[in-house]
Amino acid sequence: MKISPSKLNTFTMLKLPSAYFCGVRTKVLNEEQCITTVKHRWINQNPFKSMFWAVQGMAAEFSTGAMMIMKIKDSGKKISMLVTTNNATFTKKATGRITFVCNDGKKVDEALAEAIKTGKGQTLWMQSVGTNEDGVVVSTFNFEWSVKVKS
């Protein structure tokens, strides 16, 4: 079964209900990129009337993790994945619809190929950049993922 944005949105509803109720949705998923969005609403705002940083983090992480899930499934191997480190920079108030884009498909391919070839755990940094409806960057998230073939 191929992983698609609609299947990921159902997955979010069933397995990550806080992300689903806050409005995190997958829009695009392909070999090179994953795009998620989240709209500023009452349920996901902070006291300053902008989107809470953790909601932005959920959407950003999901844009990296969904790509990882798809590529692990496509490998046909049992591979564990875990975020080991992350950091973020916030540059503008997040209001309206925020779109997070991760373009690190090739990095995932390389890390998974090395993990499968060597049998050793690998780490890679993936980035997701959030922009508002005007195309202005509001936040940039970096996630260090660890992958390891299960024995």
N, C-alpha and C. Protein backbone atom coordinates (compact mmCIF):
# COMPACT_ATOMS: atom_id res chain seq x y z
N MET A 1 0.85 -1.18 0.00
CA MET A 1 0.00 0.00 0.00
C MET A 1 0.90 1.25 0.00
N LYS A 2 0.66 2.12 -0.95
CA LYS A 2 1.44 3.35 -1.08
C LYS A 2 0.98 4.37 -0.05
N ILE A 3 1.94 5.06 0.54
CA ILE A 3 1.63 6.11 1.51
C ILE A 3 1.30 7.38 0.74
N SER A 4 0.18 8.00 1.09
CA SER A 4 -0.27 9.22 0.42
C SER A 4 -0.61 10.27 1.47
N PRO A 5 -0.74 11.53 1.05
CA PRO A 5 -1.13 12.56 2.01
C PRO A 5 -2.45 12.25 2.72
N SER A 6 -3.44 11.73 2.01
CA SER A 6 -4.72 11.44 2.67
C SER A 6 -4.58 10.31 3.69
N LYS A 7 -3.77 9.30 3.39
CA LYS A 7 -3.54 8.22 4.35
C LYS A 7 -2.77 8.73 5.57
N LEU A 8 -1.83 9.66 5.34
CA LEU A 8 -1.10 10.26 6.47
C LEU A 8 -2.03 11.10 7.34
N ASN A 9 -2.98 11.79 6.73
CA ASN A 9 -3.93 12.59 7.51
C ASN A 9 -4.83 11.70 8.36
N THR A 10 -5.22 10.55 7.82
CA THR A 10 -6.00 9.58 8.61
C THR A 10 -5.14 9.03 9.75
N PHE A 11 -3.89 8.71 9.44
CA PHE A 11 -2.94 8.25 10.46
C PHE A 11 -2.82 9.28 11.58
N THR A 12 -2.70 10.55 11.21
CA THR A 12 -2.59 11.62 12.20
C THR A 12 -3.82 11.63 13.10
N MET A 13 -5.01 11.52 12.50
CA MET A 13 -6.24 11.53 13.28
C MET A 13 -6.27 10.38 14.29
N LEU A 14 -5.83 9.20 13.87
CA LEU A 14 -5.91 8.01 14.72
C LEU A 14 -4.76 7.88 15.71
N LYS A 15 -3.54 8.25 15.30
CA LYS A 15 -2.36 8.01 16.13
C LYS A 15 -1.75 9.26 16.75
N LEU A 16 -2.03 10.43 16.18
CA LEU A 16 -1.49 11.70 16.70
C LEU A 16 -2.63 12.71 16.83
N PRO A 17 -3.61 12.40 17.69
CA PRO A 17 -4.80 13.25 17.73
C PRO A 17 -4.53 14.71 18.09
N SER A 18 -3.53 14.99 18.89
CA SER A 18 -3.27 16.40 19.23
C SER A 18 -2.84 17.17 17.98
N ALA A 19 -2.03 16.56 17.13
CA ALA A 19 -1.63 17.22 15.88
C ALA A 19 -2.84 17.39 14.97
N TYR A 20 -3.68 16.36 14.90
CA TYR A 20 -4.86 16.44 14.04
C TYR A 20 -5.81 17.55 14.51
N PHE A 21 -6.10 17.59 15.80
CA PHE A 21 -7.04 18.60 16.31
C PHE A 21 -6.47 20.02 16.21
N CYS A 22 -5.16 20.13 16.23
CA CYS A 22 -4.53 21.45 16.06
C CYS A 22 -4.50 21.87 14.59
N GLY A 23 -4.81 20.95 13.68
CA GLY A 23 -4.92 21.29 12.26
C GLY A 23 -3.76 20.91 11.38
N VAL A 24 -2.82 20.09 11.86
CA VAL A 24 -1.68 19.67 11.03
C VAL A 24 -2.19 18.73 9.93
N ARG A 25 -1.87 19.07 8.67
CA ARG A 25 -2.28 18.27 7.53
C ARG A 25 -1.12 18.13 6.55
N THR A 26 -1.03 16.95 5.94
CA THR A 26 -0.03 16.70 4.90
C THR A 26 -0.66 17.05 3.55
N LYS A 27 0.06 17.85 2.76
CA LYS A 27 -0.44 18.28 1.45
C LYS A 27 0.29 17.59 0.31
N VAL A 28 1.60 17.41 0.44
CA VAL A 28 2.41 16.82 -0.63
C VAL A 28 3.40 15.85 0.00
N LEU A 29 3.56 14.69 -0.63
CA LEU A 29 4.59 13.73 -0.22
C LEU A 29 5.09 13.03 -1.47
N ASN A 30 6.38 13.22 -1.75
CA ASN A 30 6.99 12.53 -2.88
C ASN A 30 8.43 12.19 -2.52
N GLU A 31 9.19 11.70 -3.47
CA GLU A 31 10.56 11.24 -3.21
C GLU A 31 11.49 12.33 -2.71
N GLU A 32 11.20 13.58 -3.06
CA GLU A 32 12.11 14.67 -2.72
C GLU A 32 11.61 15.59 -1.64
N GLN A 33 10.29 15.71 -1.48
CA GLN A 33 9.79 16.68 -0.52
C GLN A 33 8.50 16.26 0.15
N CYS A 34 8.29 16.84 1.32
CA CYS A 34 7.04 16.68 2.03
C CYS A 34 6.60 18.07 2.49
N ILE A 35 5.31 18.37 2.26
CA ILE A 35 4.76 19.66 2.65
C ILE A 35 3.59 19.42 3.60
N THR A 36 3.66 20.07 4.75
CA THR A 36 2.55 20.03 5.70
C THR A 36 2.09 21.46 5.94
N THR A 37 0.84 21.59 6.39
CA THR A 37 0.32 22.92 6.71
C THR A 37 -0.40 22.87 8.05
N VAL A 38 -0.54 24.03 8.65
CA VAL A 38 -1.34 24.18 9.86
C VAL A 38 -1.84 25.62 9.88
N LYS A 39 -3.10 25.79 10.21
CA LYS A 39 -3.70 27.12 10.23
C LYS A 39 -3.82 27.63 11.67
N HIS A 40 -3.45 28.89 11.85
CA HIS A 40 -3.59 29.52 13.17
C HIS A 40 -5.08 29.61 13.51
N ARG A 41 -5.43 29.01 14.65
CA ARG A 41 -6.81 29.02 15.13
C ARG A 41 -6.78 29.17 16.65
N TRP A 42 -7.93 29.31 17.22
CA TRP A 42 -8.04 29.48 18.67
C TRP A 42 -7.37 28.32 19.41
N ILE A 43 -7.56 27.10 18.95
CA ILE A 43 -7.07 25.92 19.68
C ILE A 43 -5.55 25.81 19.67
N ASN A 44 -4.87 26.45 18.74
CA ASN A 44 -3.41 26.30 18.67
C ASN A 44 -2.66 27.62 18.88
N GLN A 45 -3.32 28.59 19.49
CA GLN A 45 -2.65 29.87 19.67
C GLN A 45 -2.02 30.00 21.05
N ASN A 46 -1.10 30.93 21.14
CA ASN A 46 -0.48 31.27 22.41
C ASN A 46 -1.12 32.56 22.95
N PRO A 47 -0.72 33.04 24.11
CA PRO A 47 -1.35 34.26 24.65
C PRO A 47 -1.09 35.52 23.82
N PHE A 48 -0.17 35.45 22.86
CA PHE A 48 0.18 36.61 22.04
C PHE A 48 -0.54 36.61 20.70
N LYS A 49 -1.57 35.75 20.60
CA LYS A 49 -2.41 35.66 19.40
C LYS A 49 -1.65 35.25 18.14
N SER A 50 -0.68 34.37 18.33
CA SER A 50 -0.02 33.73 17.21
C SER A 50 0.05 32.24 17.50
N MET A 51 0.53 31.48 16.56
CA MET A 51 0.56 30.02 16.72
C MET A 51 1.62 29.62 17.74
N PHE A 52 1.22 28.74 18.65
CA PHE A 52 2.10 28.20 19.69
C PHE A 52 3.27 27.48 19.01
N TRP A 53 4.47 27.68 19.55
CA TRP A 53 5.67 27.10 18.94
C TRP A 53 5.59 25.58 18.80
N ALA A 54 4.97 24.91 19.76
CA ALA A 54 4.91 23.45 19.73
C ALA A 54 4.02 22.94 18.59
N VAL A 55 3.02 23.69 18.23
CA VAL A 55 2.17 23.32 17.09
C VAL A 55 2.97 23.44 15.80
N GLN A 56 3.75 24.51 15.69
CA GLN A 56 4.63 24.64 14.54
C GLN A 56 5.61 23.45 14.50
N GLY A 57 6.10 23.07 15.67
CA GLY A 57 7.03 21.95 15.76
C GLY A 57 6.40 20.64 15.31
N MET A 58 5.12 20.42 15.66
CA MET A 58 4.44 19.20 15.22
C MET A 58 4.36 19.14 13.70
N ALA A 59 3.98 20.25 13.08
CA ALA A 59 3.86 20.28 11.62
C ALA A 59 5.23 20.13 10.96
N ALA A 60 6.24 20.78 11.52
CA ALA A 60 7.58 20.70 10.97
C ALA A 60 8.14 19.28 11.10
N GLU A 61 8.00 18.70 12.28
CA GLU A 61 8.52 17.34 12.48
C GLU A 61 7.80 16.35 11.58
N PHE A 62 6.50 16.53 11.42
CA PHE A 62 5.75 15.60 10.58
C PHE A 62 6.20 15.68 9.13
N SER A 63 6.62 16.85 8.67
CA SER A 63 7.10 16.95 7.29
C SER A 63 8.39 16.16 7.10
N THR A 64 9.21 16.05 8.13
CA THR A 64 10.43 15.24 8.02
C THR A 64 10.12 13.77 8.28
N GLY A 65 9.31 13.50 9.28
CA GLY A 65 9.01 12.13 9.66
C GLY A 65 8.18 11.38 8.64
N ALA A 66 7.24 12.06 7.99
CA ALA A 66 6.41 11.40 6.97
C ALA A 66 7.27 10.92 5.81
N MET A 67 8.24 11.76 5.43
CA MET A 67 9.14 11.34 4.35
C MET A 67 9.96 10.13 4.78
N MET A 68 10.42 10.16 6.03
CA MET A 68 11.20 9.03 6.56
C MET A 68 10.34 7.76 6.57
N ILE A 69 9.10 7.86 7.03
CA ILE A 69 8.19 6.70 7.07
C ILE A 69 8.01 6.12 5.67
N MET A 70 7.75 6.98 4.69
CA MET A 70 7.53 6.53 3.32
C MET A 70 8.76 5.79 2.78
N LYS A 71 9.92 6.36 3.01
CA LYS A 71 11.14 5.77 2.45
C LYS A 71 11.53 4.48 3.17
N ILE A 72 11.27 4.39 4.46
CA ILE A 72 11.50 3.14 5.18
C ILE A 72 10.57 2.06 4.64
N LYS A 73 9.29 2.40 4.45
CA LYS A 73 8.34 1.44 3.90
C LYS A 73 8.78 0.97 2.52
N ASP A 74 9.21 1.91 1.68
CA ASP A 74 9.65 1.57 0.33
C ASP A 74 10.90 0.68 0.32
N SER A 75 11.72 0.75 1.38
CA SER A 75 12.95 -0.05 1.44
C SER A 75 12.64 -1.54 1.64
N GLY A 76 11.49 -1.83 2.22
CA GLY A 76 11.14 -3.22 2.49
C GLY A 76 11.84 -3.79 3.71
N LYS A 77 12.60 -2.98 4.41
CA LYS A 77 13.34 -3.42 5.60
C LYS A 77 12.63 -2.92 6.86
N LYS A 78 12.91 -3.60 7.96
CA LYS A 78 12.41 -3.13 9.26
C LYS A 78 13.47 -2.20 9.83
N ILE A 79 13.14 -0.93 9.89
CA ILE A 79 14.10 0.09 10.32
C ILE A 79 13.43 0.97 11.37
N SER A 80 14.14 1.16 12.48
CA SER A 80 13.60 2.05 13.52
C SER A 80 14.05 3.47 13.23
N MET A 81 13.24 4.43 13.68
CA MET A 81 13.55 5.84 13.48
C MET A 81 13.22 6.60 14.75
N LEU A 82 14.05 7.60 15.06
CA LEU A 82 13.87 8.36 16.29
C LEU A 82 14.49 9.73 16.14
N VAL A 83 13.78 10.76 16.59
CA VAL A 83 14.39 12.09 16.66
C VAL A 83 15.27 12.12 17.90
N THR A 84 16.55 12.46 17.72
CA THR A 84 17.47 12.49 18.85
C THR A 84 17.80 13.90 19.31
N THR A 85 17.69 14.87 18.41
CA THR A 85 17.99 16.26 18.73
C THR A 85 17.15 17.15 17.83
N ASN A 86 16.79 18.32 18.31
CA ASN A 86 16.15 19.29 17.43
C ASN A 86 16.44 20.70 17.91
N ASN A 87 16.28 21.65 16.99
CA ASN A 87 16.39 23.06 17.33
C ASN A 87 15.50 23.84 16.38
N ALA A 88 15.20 25.06 16.77
CA ALA A 88 14.31 25.88 15.94
C ALA A 88 14.67 27.35 16.07
N THR A 89 14.36 28.09 15.03
CA THR A 89 14.51 29.53 15.01
C THR A 89 13.18 30.13 14.58
N PHE A 90 12.74 31.15 15.30
CA PHE A 90 11.47 31.81 15.01
C PHE A 90 11.77 33.24 14.58
N THR A 91 11.30 33.62 13.39
CA THR A 91 11.67 34.92 12.83
C THR A 91 10.51 35.87 12.63
N LYS A 92 9.27 35.38 12.73
CA LYS A 92 8.10 36.23 12.56
C LYS A 92 6.92 35.57 13.26
N LYS A 93 5.97 36.38 13.67
CA LYS A 93 4.75 35.87 14.29
C LYS A 93 4.03 34.95 13.30
N ALA A 94 3.63 33.78 13.78
CA ALA A 94 2.96 32.80 12.91
C ALA A 94 1.45 32.98 13.01
N THR A 95 0.86 33.57 11.99
CA THR A 95 -0.59 33.73 11.90
C THR A 95 -1.02 33.30 10.51
N GLY A 96 -2.30 32.99 10.36
CA GLY A 96 -2.79 32.50 9.07
C GLY A 96 -2.36 31.06 8.86
N ARG A 97 -2.31 30.63 7.60
CA ARG A 97 -1.88 29.27 7.28
C ARG A 97 -0.36 29.25 7.13
N ILE A 98 0.27 28.34 7.87
CA ILE A 98 1.72 28.18 7.82
C ILE A 98 2.02 26.88 7.07
N THR A 99 2.92 26.96 6.10
CA THR A 99 3.29 25.81 5.28
C THR A 99 4.73 25.43 5.60
N PHE A 100 4.92 24.16 5.95
CA PHE A 100 6.25 23.64 6.27
C PHE A 100 6.72 22.75 5.12
N VAL A 101 7.92 23.02 4.64
CA VAL A 101 8.47 22.27 3.51
C VAL A 101 9.80 21.64 3.92
N CYS A 102 9.89 20.34 3.67
CA CYS A 102 11.14 19.60 3.86
C CYS A 102 11.55 19.06 2.49
N ASN A 103 12.77 19.37 2.07
CA ASN A 103 13.28 18.94 0.76
C ASN A 103 14.46 17.98 0.91
N ASP A 104 14.46 17.15 1.93
CA ASP A 104 15.63 16.32 2.25
C ASP A 104 15.50 14.86 1.85
N GLY A 105 14.75 14.57 0.79
CA GLY A 105 14.57 13.19 0.36
C GLY A 105 15.87 12.47 0.04
N LYS A 106 16.80 13.15 -0.61
CA LYS A 106 18.09 12.52 -0.96
C LYS A 106 18.91 12.18 0.28
N LYS A 107 18.86 13.03 1.30
CA LYS A 107 19.57 12.74 2.55
C LYS A 107 19.03 11.47 3.19
N VAL A 108 17.71 11.30 3.16
CA VAL A 108 17.10 10.10 3.74
C VAL A 108 17.55 8.87 2.95
N ASP A 109 17.52 8.98 1.62
CA ASP A 109 17.96 7.85 0.78
C ASP A 109 19.38 7.42 1.14
N GLU A 110 20.28 8.39 1.28
CA GLU A 110 21.68 8.09 1.59
C GLU A 110 21.83 7.43 2.96
N ALA A 111 21.14 7.96 3.96
CA ALA A 111 21.25 7.41 5.32
C ALA A 111 20.68 5.99 5.39
N LEU A 112 19.53 5.78 4.74
CA LEU A 112 18.93 4.45 4.77
C LEU A 112 19.80 3.45 4.01
N ALA A 113 20.36 3.85 2.88
CA ALA A 113 21.23 2.95 2.11
C ALA A 113 22.45 2.55 2.94
N GLU A 114 23.02 3.50 3.64
CA GLU A 114 24.20 3.22 4.48
C GLU A 114 23.83 2.32 5.66
N ALA A 115 22.68 2.57 6.27
CA ALA A 115 22.23 1.74 7.40
C ALA A 115 21.99 0.31 6.95
N ILE A 116 21.38 0.14 5.78
CA ILE A 116 21.12 -1.20 5.26
C ILE A 116 22.42 -1.89 4.87
N LYS A 117 23.33 -1.16 4.24
CA LYS A 117 24.61 -1.72 3.79
C LYS A 117 25.48 -2.16 4.96
N THR A 118 25.59 -1.30 5.99
CA THR A 118 26.53 -1.57 7.09
C THR A 118 25.88 -2.27 8.28
N GLY A 119 24.57 -2.16 8.41
CA GLY A 119 23.89 -2.70 9.59
C GLY A 119 24.08 -1.83 10.82
N LYS A 120 24.71 -0.68 10.64
CA LYS A 120 24.95 0.24 11.76
C LYS A 120 23.98 1.40 11.71
N GLY A 121 23.68 1.92 12.89
CA GLY A 121 22.80 3.08 12.96
C GLY A 121 23.41 4.30 12.27
N GLN A 122 22.57 5.10 11.71
CA GLN A 122 22.99 6.32 11.03
C GLN A 122 22.19 7.50 11.57
N THR A 123 22.78 8.68 11.49
CA THR A 123 22.04 9.89 11.85
C THR A 123 22.07 10.86 10.67
N LEU A 124 21.05 11.67 10.59
CA LEU A 124 21.00 12.71 9.57
C LEU A 124 20.18 13.87 10.08
N TRP A 125 20.55 15.06 9.64
CA TRP A 125 19.81 16.27 9.98
C TRP A 125 18.85 16.58 8.84
N MET A 126 17.61 16.85 9.20
CA MET A 126 16.60 17.25 8.22
C MET A 126 16.04 18.60 8.65
N GLN A 127 15.72 19.42 7.65
CA GLN A 127 15.23 20.77 7.93
C GLN A 127 13.83 20.96 7.34
N SER A 128 13.00 21.68 8.09
CA SER A 128 11.67 22.06 7.63
C SER A 128 11.51 23.56 7.85
N VAL A 129 11.16 24.26 6.78
CA VAL A 129 11.03 25.71 6.84
C VAL A 129 9.56 26.08 6.74
N GLY A 130 9.09 26.88 7.71
CA GLY A 130 7.70 27.30 7.74
C GLY A 130 7.55 28.72 7.20
N THR A 131 6.62 28.88 6.25
CA THR A 131 6.35 30.20 5.69
C THR A 131 4.87 30.52 5.84
N ASN A 132 4.57 31.82 5.93
CA ASN A 132 3.18 32.25 6.00
C ASN A 132 2.60 32.39 4.59
N GLU A 133 1.36 32.85 4.51
CA GLU A 133 0.68 32.95 3.22
C GLU A 133 1.33 33.96 2.28
N ASP A 134 2.13 34.87 2.82
CA ASP A 134 2.84 35.85 1.99
C ASP A 134 4.21 35.34 1.56
N GLY A 135 4.56 34.10 1.95
CA GLY A 135 5.86 33.53 1.59
C GLY A 135 6.99 33.95 2.51
N VAL A 136 6.67 34.59 3.63
CA VAL A 136 7.67 35.04 4.58
C VAL A 136 7.98 33.90 5.56
N VAL A 137 9.27 33.64 5.77
CA VAL A 137 9.68 32.58 6.70
C VAL A 137 9.32 33.00 8.12
N VAL A 138 8.57 32.13 8.83
CA VAL A 138 8.22 32.40 10.23
C VAL A 138 9.02 31.54 11.18
N SER A 139 9.44 30.34 10.73
CA SER A 139 10.23 29.47 11.60
C SER A 139 10.99 28.44 10.76
N THR A 140 12.12 28.02 11.31
CA THR A 140 12.93 26.98 10.68
C THR A 140 13.26 25.95 11.76
N PHE A 141 12.93 24.71 11.49
CA PHE A 141 13.17 23.62 12.43
C PHE A 141 14.19 22.65 11.84
N ASN A 142 15.08 22.17 12.68
CA ASN A 142 16.07 21.16 12.31
C ASN A 142 15.89 19.96 13.24
N PHE A 143 15.83 18.79 12.64
CA PHE A 143 15.65 17.55 13.42
C PHE A 143 16.77 16.59 13.08
N GLU A 144 17.42 16.04 14.09
CA GLU A 144 18.41 14.99 13.87
C GLU A 144 17.69 13.66 14.06
N TRP A 145 17.61 12.90 12.99
CA TRP A 145 16.97 11.59 13.02
C TRP A 145 18.05 10.51 13.12
N SER A 146 17.73 9.49 13.88
CA SER A 146 18.57 8.30 13.96
C SER A 146 17.79 7.15 13.34
N VAL A 147 18.45 6.38 12.45
CA VAL A 147 17.82 5.23 11.82
C VAL A 147 18.71 4.01 12.03
N LYS A 148 18.07 2.87 12.24
CA LYS A 148 18.83 1.64 12.46
C LYS A 148 18.01 0.45 11.99
N VAL A 149 18.67 -0.44 11.24
CA VAL A 149 17.99 -1.65 10.78
C VAL A 149 17.77 -2.56 11.98
N LYS A 150 16.53 -3.02 12.14
CA LYS A 150 16.21 -3.92 13.24
C LYS A 150 16.73 -5.32 12.92
N SER A 151 17.22 -6.00 13.96
CA SER A 151 17.74 -7.35 13.72
C SER A 151 16.72 -8.42 14.02
